[in-house]
Amino acid sequence: MGTLNELISGGQMNLIRDPDLRRRIAQTDAALRSYAEYISLMSNNAPPFGYAIQTRLQTAPDDPENVTYDFEALAEDEEFLNALGHMLRLSLVNRYWLEGMLAEVNELETALAEALDIEATP
């Protein structure tokens, strides 16, 4: 999106003569910026929940890729369960927004391919 940002910030969108295509590009840029702001906002809320989870899961001494935990203790730990639920919600929301970003990019790619009379990549 660097070239797009340069076109917009440099006031050179007039290089694209088709007003519908210019509008579509500007809409996509605005949508992607909005999604990025939401994702950043949600991601900034994650650290305390991540910390609550990480402090209760210990790396196995002989195998750092495996985690050990006391299931019974975790099942009774309301802070852990709450943090886990919040992290799941944040992950699902971020996934939803990332899918929206991808859809925006795919739609713009299709519009550009049509304007340039080329085939869009699948």
Foldseek 3Di string as FASTA:
>chain_A
DVVLVCCVVVVNLVVPPDPVLSVLSVVLVVLVVVLVVVLVVLVVVQVVLVVLQVVQWDADPVGNVDTDHDVVVCVVDPSNVVSVVSVVVSVVVNVVSVVVNVVSVQVSQCVVCVVVVHDRDD
